[in-house]
Amino acid sequence: MERTFVMVKPDGVKRGLIGDIVSRFEQKGFTLRGIKLLHIDRPLAERHYGEHREKPFFGELVDYLTSGEACAMIWEGQHAVANARSLIGKTNPVEAVPGTIRGDFAMDVASNVVHGSDSPESAEREISLFFGESAAVYMFPNPPITHSANAAH
């Protein structure tokens, strides 16, 4: 099983989309292995977007990511990185297919609701960055749920 990192960005959190996004991942068969709500500080945002440091939009990316709370998640599943990116949709919502998260919820390229790792290596780097070297600290098992026909509701 492969893991991937997904983050609901500040615009998605402000709009109350965490539950919708979690539901979509669960409906596609992913298993949630870690989740936390956090306010990202500038140093963490700069490390996260380090590959864009020399680009003219770097400052705007950092400002956006530090503008409010974000929800960091670890998801597990078959081909988790590729399947998550397919579920998330294209970066530009105009190009994102309806039925994808960005196709349904994103407003523009800057406020595109969610981030997903672009490779297994990036996923592990981002998991480590947001959850620490030992991401197992934040992981929880997915216990079986049993239902009894006689259970009181």
N, C-alpha and C. Protein backbone atom coordinates (compact mmCIF):
# COMPACT_ATOMS: atom_id res chain seq x y z
N MET A 1 0.85 -1.19 0.00
CA MET A 1 0.00 0.00 0.00
C MET A 1 0.88 1.24 0.00
N GLU A 2 0.45 2.22 -0.73
CA GLU A 2 1.18 3.47 -0.85
C GLU A 2 0.48 4.55 -0.03
N ARG A 3 1.28 5.50 0.47
CA ARG A 3 0.72 6.64 1.19
C ARG A 3 0.87 7.89 0.35
N THR A 4 -0.02 8.84 0.60
CA THR A 4 0.11 10.15 -0.02
C THR A 4 -0.29 11.22 0.97
N PHE A 5 0.16 12.43 0.70
CA PHE A 5 -0.15 13.58 1.54
C PHE A 5 -1.16 14.45 0.80
N VAL A 6 -2.21 14.83 1.51
CA VAL A 6 -3.24 15.71 0.96
C VAL A 6 -3.49 16.80 1.99
N MET A 7 -3.65 18.01 1.51
CA MET A 7 -3.92 19.12 2.42
C MET A 7 -5.09 19.95 1.89
N VAL A 8 -6.09 20.16 2.75
CA VAL A 8 -7.15 21.11 2.43
C VAL A 8 -6.56 22.48 2.77
N LYS A 9 -6.46 23.33 1.78
CA LYS A 9 -5.83 24.64 1.94
C LYS A 9 -6.78 25.61 2.66
N PRO A 10 -6.25 26.77 3.09
CA PRO A 10 -7.07 27.70 3.87
C PRO A 10 -8.42 28.07 3.24
N ASP A 11 -8.50 28.21 1.92
CA ASP A 11 -9.80 28.55 1.32
C ASP A 11 -10.78 27.40 1.48
N GLY A 12 -10.31 26.17 1.37
CA GLY A 12 -11.18 25.01 1.56
C GLY A 12 -11.65 24.86 2.99
N VAL A 13 -10.77 25.14 3.95
CA VAL A 13 -11.15 25.07 5.36
C VAL A 13 -12.17 26.15 5.67
N LYS A 14 -11.91 27.38 5.22
CA LYS A 14 -12.83 28.49 5.48
C LYS A 14 -14.21 28.23 4.90
N ARG A 15 -14.27 27.51 3.79
CA ARG A 15 -15.55 27.23 3.13
C ARG A 15 -16.22 25.97 3.68
N GLY A 16 -15.61 25.33 4.66
CA GLY A 16 -16.22 24.16 5.29
C GLY A 16 -16.20 22.91 4.43
N LEU A 17 -15.13 22.71 3.65
CA LEU A 17 -15.09 21.61 2.70
C LEU A 17 -14.34 20.37 3.20
N ILE A 18 -13.79 20.41 4.41
CA ILE A 18 -13.02 19.26 4.90
C ILE A 18 -13.85 17.98 4.84
N GLY A 19 -15.05 18.00 5.36
CA GLY A 19 -15.89 16.81 5.38
C GLY A 19 -16.19 16.27 3.99
N ASP A 20 -16.49 17.17 3.05
CA ASP A 20 -16.76 16.75 1.67
C ASP A 20 -15.53 16.07 1.05
N ILE A 21 -14.36 16.65 1.31
CA ILE A 21 -13.13 16.11 0.74
C ILE A 21 -12.79 14.76 1.36
N VAL A 22 -12.90 14.65 2.68
CA VAL A 22 -12.66 13.37 3.35
C VAL A 22 -13.62 12.31 2.80
N SER A 23 -14.88 12.66 2.66
CA SER A 23 -15.88 11.71 2.13
C SER A 23 -15.51 11.21 0.74
N ARG A 24 -15.05 12.09 -0.11
CA ARG A 24 -14.69 11.68 -1.47
C ARG A 24 -13.54 10.68 -1.46
N PHE A 25 -12.54 10.93 -0.60
CA PHE A 25 -11.43 9.99 -0.51
C PHE A 25 -11.89 8.64 0.04
N GLU A 26 -12.73 8.67 1.05
CA GLU A 26 -13.24 7.41 1.62
C GLU A 26 -14.08 6.65 0.60
N GLN A 27 -14.91 7.36 -0.14
CA GLN A 27 -15.76 6.71 -1.15
C GLN A 27 -14.94 6.06 -2.26
N LYS A 28 -13.73 6.57 -2.49
CA LYS A 28 -12.86 5.99 -3.51
C LYS A 28 -12.00 4.85 -2.96
N GLY A 29 -12.18 4.52 -1.68
CA GLY A 29 -11.47 3.39 -1.10
C GLY A 29 -10.17 3.70 -0.40
N PHE A 30 -9.84 4.97 -0.25
CA PHE A 30 -8.64 5.34 0.51
C PHE A 30 -8.89 5.13 2.00
N THR A 31 -7.82 4.90 2.75
CA THR A 31 -7.90 4.78 4.20
C THR A 31 -7.18 5.97 4.82
N LEU A 32 -7.87 6.70 5.68
CA LEU A 32 -7.28 7.85 6.36
C LEU A 32 -6.36 7.34 7.46
N ARG A 33 -5.08 7.72 7.40
CA ARG A 33 -4.09 7.25 8.37
C ARG A 33 -3.58 8.35 9.28
N GLY A 34 -3.89 9.59 8.99
CA GLY A 34 -3.47 10.69 9.85
C GLY A 34 -4.17 11.96 9.42
N ILE A 35 -4.50 12.80 10.40
CA ILE A 35 -5.17 14.07 10.08
C ILE A 35 -4.88 15.07 11.19
N LYS A 36 -4.65 16.31 10.82
CA LYS A 36 -4.54 17.36 11.83
C LYS A 36 -4.84 18.72 11.20
N LEU A 37 -5.46 19.55 12.02
CA LEU A 37 -5.78 20.92 11.65
C LEU A 37 -4.67 21.79 12.20
N LEU A 38 -4.12 22.68 11.38
CA LEU A 38 -3.03 23.51 11.85
C LEU A 38 -3.01 24.85 11.13
N HIS A 39 -2.39 25.82 11.79
CA HIS A 39 -2.13 27.11 11.15
C HIS A 39 -0.66 27.08 10.76
N ILE A 40 -0.39 27.06 9.48
CA ILE A 40 0.97 26.91 8.97
C ILE A 40 1.72 28.23 9.11
N ASP A 41 2.92 28.16 9.70
CA ASP A 41 3.73 29.37 9.83
C ASP A 41 4.59 29.54 8.58
N ARG A 42 5.21 30.72 8.45
CA ARG A 42 5.99 31.04 7.25
C ARG A 42 7.12 30.05 7.00
N PRO A 43 7.91 29.70 8.02
CA PRO A 43 9.01 28.75 7.73
C PRO A 43 8.51 27.42 7.17
N LEU A 44 7.41 26.89 7.70
CA LEU A 44 6.88 25.63 7.19
C LEU A 44 6.34 25.80 5.77
N ALA A 45 5.64 26.89 5.51
CA ALA A 45 5.12 27.16 4.17
C ALA A 45 6.26 27.30 3.16
N GLU A 46 7.34 27.97 3.57
CA GLU A 46 8.49 28.15 2.68
C GLU A 46 9.17 26.82 2.38
N ARG A 47 9.25 25.94 3.38
CA ARG A 47 9.83 24.60 3.13
C ARG A 47 8.90 23.79 2.22
N HIS A 48 7.60 23.88 2.47
CA HIS A 48 6.65 23.13 1.65
C HIS A 48 6.73 23.54 0.17
N TYR A 49 6.82 24.84 -0.07
CA TYR A 49 6.87 25.35 -1.44
C TYR A 49 8.29 25.64 -1.90
N GLY A 50 9.29 25.02 -1.28
CA GLY A 50 10.70 25.27 -1.57
C GLY A 50 11.07 25.17 -3.04
N GLU A 51 10.44 24.26 -3.77
CA GLU A 51 10.75 24.09 -5.20
C GLU A 51 10.37 25.31 -6.03
N HIS A 52 9.53 26.18 -5.47
CA HIS A 52 9.09 27.39 -6.18
C HIS A 52 9.79 28.66 -5.69
N ARG A 53 10.80 28.51 -4.82
CA ARG A 53 11.45 29.65 -4.17
C ARG A 53 11.89 30.74 -5.15
N GLU A 54 12.40 30.37 -6.29
CA GLU A 54 12.93 31.35 -7.25
C GLU A 54 11.87 31.88 -8.22
N LYS A 55 10.66 31.42 -8.10
CA LYS A 55 9.60 31.84 -9.02
C LYS A 55 8.94 33.12 -8.51
N PRO A 56 8.43 33.95 -9.41
CA PRO A 56 7.86 35.24 -9.01
C PRO A 56 6.63 35.13 -8.10
N PHE A 57 5.94 34.01 -8.13
CA PHE A 57 4.72 33.86 -7.33
C PHE A 57 4.97 33.20 -5.97
N PHE A 58 6.24 32.94 -5.62
CA PHE A 58 6.57 32.26 -4.37
C PHE A 58 5.98 32.97 -3.15
N GLY A 59 6.16 34.27 -3.07
CA GLY A 59 5.64 35.04 -1.93
C GLY A 59 4.14 34.93 -1.79
N GLU A 60 3.44 34.97 -2.91
CA GLU A 60 1.98 34.84 -2.88
C GLU A 60 1.55 33.46 -2.39
N LEU A 61 2.27 32.41 -2.81
CA LEU A 61 1.96 31.06 -2.35
C LEU A 61 2.10 30.96 -0.83
N VAL A 62 3.20 31.50 -0.32
CA VAL A 62 3.46 31.45 1.12
C VAL A 62 2.41 32.26 1.87
N ASP A 63 2.10 33.46 1.38
CA ASP A 63 1.07 34.29 2.02
C ASP A 63 -0.27 33.56 2.07
N TYR A 64 -0.63 32.92 0.98
CA TYR A 64 -1.89 32.19 0.90
C TYR A 64 -1.93 31.03 1.89
N LEU A 65 -0.86 30.23 1.92
CA LEU A 65 -0.85 29.06 2.79
C LEU A 65 -0.84 29.43 4.27
N THR A 66 -0.35 30.61 4.60
CA THR A 66 -0.32 31.06 5.99
C THR A 66 -1.52 31.94 6.36
N SER A 67 -2.48 32.07 5.45
CA SER A 67 -3.61 32.99 5.66
C SER A 67 -4.70 32.45 6.57
N GLY A 68 -4.64 31.19 6.93
CA GLY A 68 -5.67 30.59 7.77
C GLY A 68 -5.33 29.14 8.06
N GLU A 69 -6.24 28.44 8.68
CA GLU A 69 -5.99 27.05 9.03
C GLU A 69 -6.02 26.15 7.79
N ALA A 70 -5.25 25.08 7.86
CA ALA A 70 -5.22 24.05 6.82
C ALA A 70 -5.43 22.70 7.49
N CYS A 71 -5.82 21.72 6.72
CA CYS A 71 -6.04 20.37 7.24
C CYS A 71 -5.11 19.42 6.50
N ALA A 72 -4.09 18.91 7.22
CA ALA A 72 -3.11 17.99 6.64
C ALA A 72 -3.57 16.56 6.88
N MET A 73 -3.44 15.72 5.85
CA MET A 73 -3.90 14.34 5.95
C MET A 73 -2.92 13.37 5.31
N ILE A 74 -2.88 12.17 5.86
CA ILE A 74 -2.16 11.05 5.26
C ILE A 74 -3.21 10.05 4.81
N TRP A 75 -3.20 9.73 3.53
CA TRP A 75 -4.12 8.74 2.97
C TRP A 75 -3.33 7.56 2.46
N GLU A 76 -3.91 6.39 2.56
CA GLU A 76 -3.26 5.16 2.11
C GLU A 76 -4.18 4.43 1.14
N GLY A 77 -3.57 3.81 0.13
CA GLY A 77 -4.34 3.03 -0.82
C GLY A 77 -3.48 2.54 -1.97
N GLN A 78 -4.07 1.77 -2.86
CA GLN A 78 -3.37 1.31 -4.05
C GLN A 78 -3.07 2.52 -4.94
N HIS A 79 -1.82 2.66 -5.34
CA HIS A 79 -1.42 3.78 -6.21
C HIS A 79 -1.97 5.10 -5.66
N ALA A 80 -1.77 5.30 -4.37
CA ALA A 80 -2.39 6.43 -3.66
C ALA A 80 -2.07 7.79 -4.29
N VAL A 81 -0.82 8.01 -4.67
CA VAL A 81 -0.45 9.31 -5.23
C VAL A 81 -1.20 9.58 -6.53
N ALA A 82 -1.11 8.67 -7.47
CA ALA A 82 -1.77 8.86 -8.78
C ALA A 82 -3.28 8.93 -8.63
N ASN A 83 -3.85 8.05 -7.83
CA ASN A 83 -5.30 8.05 -7.67
C ASN A 83 -5.80 9.30 -6.95
N ALA A 84 -5.04 9.79 -5.98
CA ALA A 84 -5.42 11.03 -5.29
C ALA A 84 -5.38 12.21 -6.24
N ARG A 85 -4.34 12.28 -7.06
CA ARG A 85 -4.24 13.39 -8.01
C ARG A 85 -5.38 13.35 -9.02
N SER A 86 -5.79 12.18 -9.41
CA SER A 86 -6.93 12.05 -10.32
C SER A 86 -8.22 12.53 -9.65
N LEU A 87 -8.39 12.19 -8.39
CA LEU A 87 -9.57 12.61 -7.63
C LEU A 87 -9.56 14.13 -7.39
N ILE A 88 -8.38 14.69 -7.17
CA ILE A 88 -8.24 16.12 -6.91
C ILE A 88 -8.51 16.95 -8.17
N GLY A 89 -7.97 16.54 -9.30
CA GLY A 89 -8.17 17.28 -10.55
C GLY A 89 -7.04 18.24 -10.87
N LYS A 90 -7.12 18.84 -12.03
CA LYS A 90 -6.09 19.77 -12.52
C LYS A 90 -5.96 20.98 -11.61
N THR A 91 -4.74 21.54 -11.57
CA THR A 91 -4.46 22.72 -10.74
C THR A 91 -5.36 23.88 -11.09
N ASN A 92 -5.54 24.12 -12.38
CA ASN A 92 -6.40 25.21 -12.84
C ASN A 92 -7.84 24.68 -12.89
N PRO A 93 -8.73 25.24 -12.07
CA PRO A 93 -10.10 24.73 -12.03
C PRO A 93 -10.84 24.82 -13.36
N VAL A 94 -10.43 25.71 -14.24
CA VAL A 94 -11.05 25.81 -15.56
C VAL A 94 -10.78 24.52 -16.35
N GLU A 95 -9.63 23.91 -16.10
CA GLU A 95 -9.25 22.67 -16.79
C GLU A 95 -9.66 21.42 -16.02
N ALA A 96 -10.09 21.59 -14.77
CA ALA A 96 -10.46 20.45 -13.94
C ALA A 96 -11.83 19.91 -14.34
N VAL A 97 -11.91 18.62 -14.45
CA VAL A 97 -13.14 17.95 -14.87
C VAL A 97 -14.19 18.00 -13.75
N PRO A 98 -15.45 18.27 -14.08
CA PRO A 98 -16.50 18.17 -13.06
C PRO A 98 -16.48 16.77 -12.45
N GLY A 99 -16.70 16.71 -11.16
CA GLY A 99 -16.61 15.44 -10.45
C GLY A 99 -15.31 15.30 -9.69
N THR A 100 -14.29 16.10 -10.09
CA THR A 100 -13.06 16.15 -9.31
C THR A 100 -13.25 17.20 -8.22
N ILE A 101 -12.41 17.16 -7.21
CA ILE A 101 -12.54 18.12 -6.10
C ILE A 101 -12.37 19.54 -6.61
N ARG A 102 -11.33 19.79 -7.39
CA ARG A 102 -11.12 21.15 -7.90
C ARG A 102 -12.17 21.52 -8.95
N GLY A 103 -12.59 20.57 -9.74
CA GLY A 103 -13.62 20.85 -10.73
C GLY A 103 -14.93 21.27 -10.09
N ASP A 104 -15.20 20.74 -8.91
CA ASP A 104 -16.46 21.06 -8.22
C ASP A 104 -16.34 22.23 -7.24
N PHE A 105 -15.17 22.43 -6.64
CA PHE A 105 -15.08 23.40 -5.54
C PHE A 105 -14.11 24.57 -5.75
N ALA A 106 -13.09 24.42 -6.60
CA ALA A 106 -12.07 25.47 -6.72
C ALA A 106 -12.61 26.71 -7.42
N MET A 107 -12.15 27.86 -6.95
CA MET A 107 -12.60 29.14 -7.50
C MET A 107 -11.64 29.67 -8.57
N ASP A 108 -10.35 29.52 -8.35
CA ASP A 108 -9.33 29.97 -9.29
C ASP A 108 -8.03 29.23 -9.00
N VAL A 109 -6.99 29.50 -9.80
CA VAL A 109 -5.73 28.79 -9.65
C VAL A 109 -5.13 29.01 -8.26
N ALA A 110 -5.23 30.22 -7.75
CA ALA A 110 -4.65 30.52 -6.44
C ALA A 110 -5.44 29.87 -5.31
N SER A 111 -6.74 29.89 -5.40
CA SER A 111 -7.61 29.30 -4.37
C SER A 111 -8.19 28.00 -4.90
N ASN A 112 -7.31 26.99 -4.99
CA ASN A 112 -7.76 25.74 -5.61
C ASN A 112 -8.04 24.62 -4.59
N VAL A 113 -8.33 25.01 -3.36
CA VAL A 113 -8.93 24.17 -2.32
C VAL A 113 -8.02 23.12 -1.69
N VAL A 114 -7.25 22.40 -2.51
CA VAL A 114 -6.55 21.23 -1.97
C VAL A 114 -5.20 21.03 -2.65
N HIS A 115 -4.28 20.46 -1.89
CA HIS A 115 -2.97 20.08 -2.41
C HIS A 115 -2.84 18.58 -2.32
N GLY A 116 -2.22 17.97 -3.32
CA GLY A 116 -1.91 16.55 -3.29
C GLY A 116 -0.49 16.32 -3.76
N SER A 117 0.22 15.43 -3.12
CA SER A 117 1.60 15.12 -3.51
C SER A 117 1.66 14.68 -4.97
N ASP A 118 2.77 15.04 -5.65
CA ASP A 118 2.90 14.71 -7.07
C ASP A 118 3.74 13.47 -7.35
N SER A 119 4.31 12.86 -6.32
CA SER A 119 5.09 11.63 -6.49
C SER A 119 5.18 10.93 -5.14
N PRO A 120 5.48 9.64 -5.14
CA PRO A 120 5.65 8.95 -3.85
C PRO A 120 6.75 9.57 -2.99
N GLU A 121 7.81 10.06 -3.65
CA GLU A 121 8.90 10.71 -2.91
C GLU A 121 8.43 12.01 -2.28
N SER A 122 7.70 12.81 -3.04
CA SER A 122 7.13 14.06 -2.49
C SER A 122 6.17 13.75 -1.35
N ALA A 123 5.39 12.70 -1.49
CA ALA A 123 4.43 12.33 -0.44
C ALA A 123 5.16 12.06 0.86
N GLU A 124 6.21 11.27 0.81
CA GLU A 124 6.94 10.95 2.04
C GLU A 124 7.62 12.19 2.62
N ARG A 125 8.15 13.07 1.75
CA ARG A 125 8.77 14.31 2.22
C ARG A 125 7.73 15.20 2.90
N GLU A 126 6.56 15.32 2.29
CA GLU A 126 5.52 16.19 2.84
C GLU A 126 4.92 15.59 4.12
N ILE A 127 4.76 14.28 4.16
CA ILE A 127 4.27 13.64 5.39
C ILE A 127 5.25 13.92 6.52
N SER A 128 6.53 13.78 6.23
CA SER A 128 7.56 14.04 7.24
C SER A 128 7.55 15.51 7.66
N LEU A 129 7.38 16.39 6.70
CA LEU A 129 7.38 17.83 6.97
C LEU A 129 6.21 18.24 7.87
N PHE A 130 5.04 17.71 7.61
CA PHE A 130 3.85 18.12 8.35
C PHE A 130 3.52 17.25 9.56
N PHE A 131 3.99 16.01 9.56
CA PHE A 131 3.67 15.11 10.66
C PHE A 131 4.90 14.69 11.45
N GLY A 132 6.08 15.16 11.07
CA GLY A 132 7.30 14.79 11.77
C GLY A 132 7.92 13.55 11.17
N GLU A 133 9.15 13.30 11.58
CA GLU A 133 9.89 12.15 11.05
C GLU A 133 9.16 10.84 11.30
N SER A 134 8.49 10.75 12.43
CA SER A 134 7.77 9.52 12.76
C SER A 134 6.28 9.75 12.57
N ALA A 135 5.84 9.67 11.33
CA ALA A 135 4.42 9.89 11.04
C ALA A 135 3.54 8.87 11.73
N ALA A 136 4.13 7.77 12.17
CA ALA A 136 3.34 6.74 12.86
C ALA A 136 2.70 7.29 14.12
N VAL A 137 3.29 8.33 14.69
CA VAL A 137 2.73 8.96 15.89
C VAL A 137 1.30 9.43 15.62
N TYR A 138 1.04 9.87 14.40
CA TYR A 138 -0.26 10.43 14.05
C TYR A 138 -1.17 9.42 13.35
N MET A 139 -0.65 8.23 13.11
CA MET A 139 -1.44 7.25 12.38
C MET A 139 -2.36 6.50 13.33
N PHE A 140 -3.48 6.11 12.83
CA PHE A 140 -4.40 5.32 13.64
C PHE A 140 -4.94 4.19 12.79
N PRO A 141 -5.19 3.05 13.42
CA PRO A 141 -5.69 1.91 12.65
C PRO A 141 -7.13 2.14 12.23
N ASN A 142 -7.54 1.39 11.27
CA ASN A 142 -8.92 1.45 10.82
C ASN A 142 -9.61 0.19 11.35
N PRO A 143 -10.14 0.25 12.58
CA PRO A 143 -10.71 -0.95 13.17
C PRO A 143 -11.98 -1.38 12.43
N PRO A 144 -12.23 -2.68 12.43
CA PRO A 144 -13.46 -3.13 11.78
C PRO A 144 -14.68 -2.64 12.54
N ILE A 145 -15.70 -2.29 11.82
CA ILE A 145 -16.95 -1.84 12.44
C ILE A 145 -17.94 -2.99 12.34
N THR A 146 -18.50 -3.36 13.46
CA THR A 146 -19.48 -4.45 13.46
C THR A 146 -20.83 -3.88 13.81
N HIS A 147 -21.83 -4.39 13.18
CA HIS A 147 -23.20 -3.95 13.43
C HIS A 147 -24.00 -5.14 13.93
N SER A 148 -24.78 -4.90 14.93
CA SER A 148 -25.64 -5.95 15.46
C SER A 148 -27.08 -5.62 15.09
N ALA A 149 -27.78 -6.58 14.60
CA ALA A 149 -29.18 -6.37 14.22
C ALA A 149 -30.03 -6.02 15.43
N ASN A 150 -29.58 -6.42 16.61
CA ASN A 150 -30.35 -6.17 17.83
C ASN A 150 -29.89 -4.93 18.58
N ALA A 151 -28.91 -4.21 18.04
CA ALA A 151 -28.38 -3.04 18.74
C ALA A 151 -29.43 -1.94 18.81
N ALA A 152 -29.48 -1.29 19.97
CA ALA A 152 -30.42 -0.17 20.15
C ALA A 152 -29.86 1.05 19.44
N HIS A 153 -30.72 1.80 18.81
CA HIS A 153 -30.28 3.00 18.09
C HIS A 153 -30.80 4.22 18.77
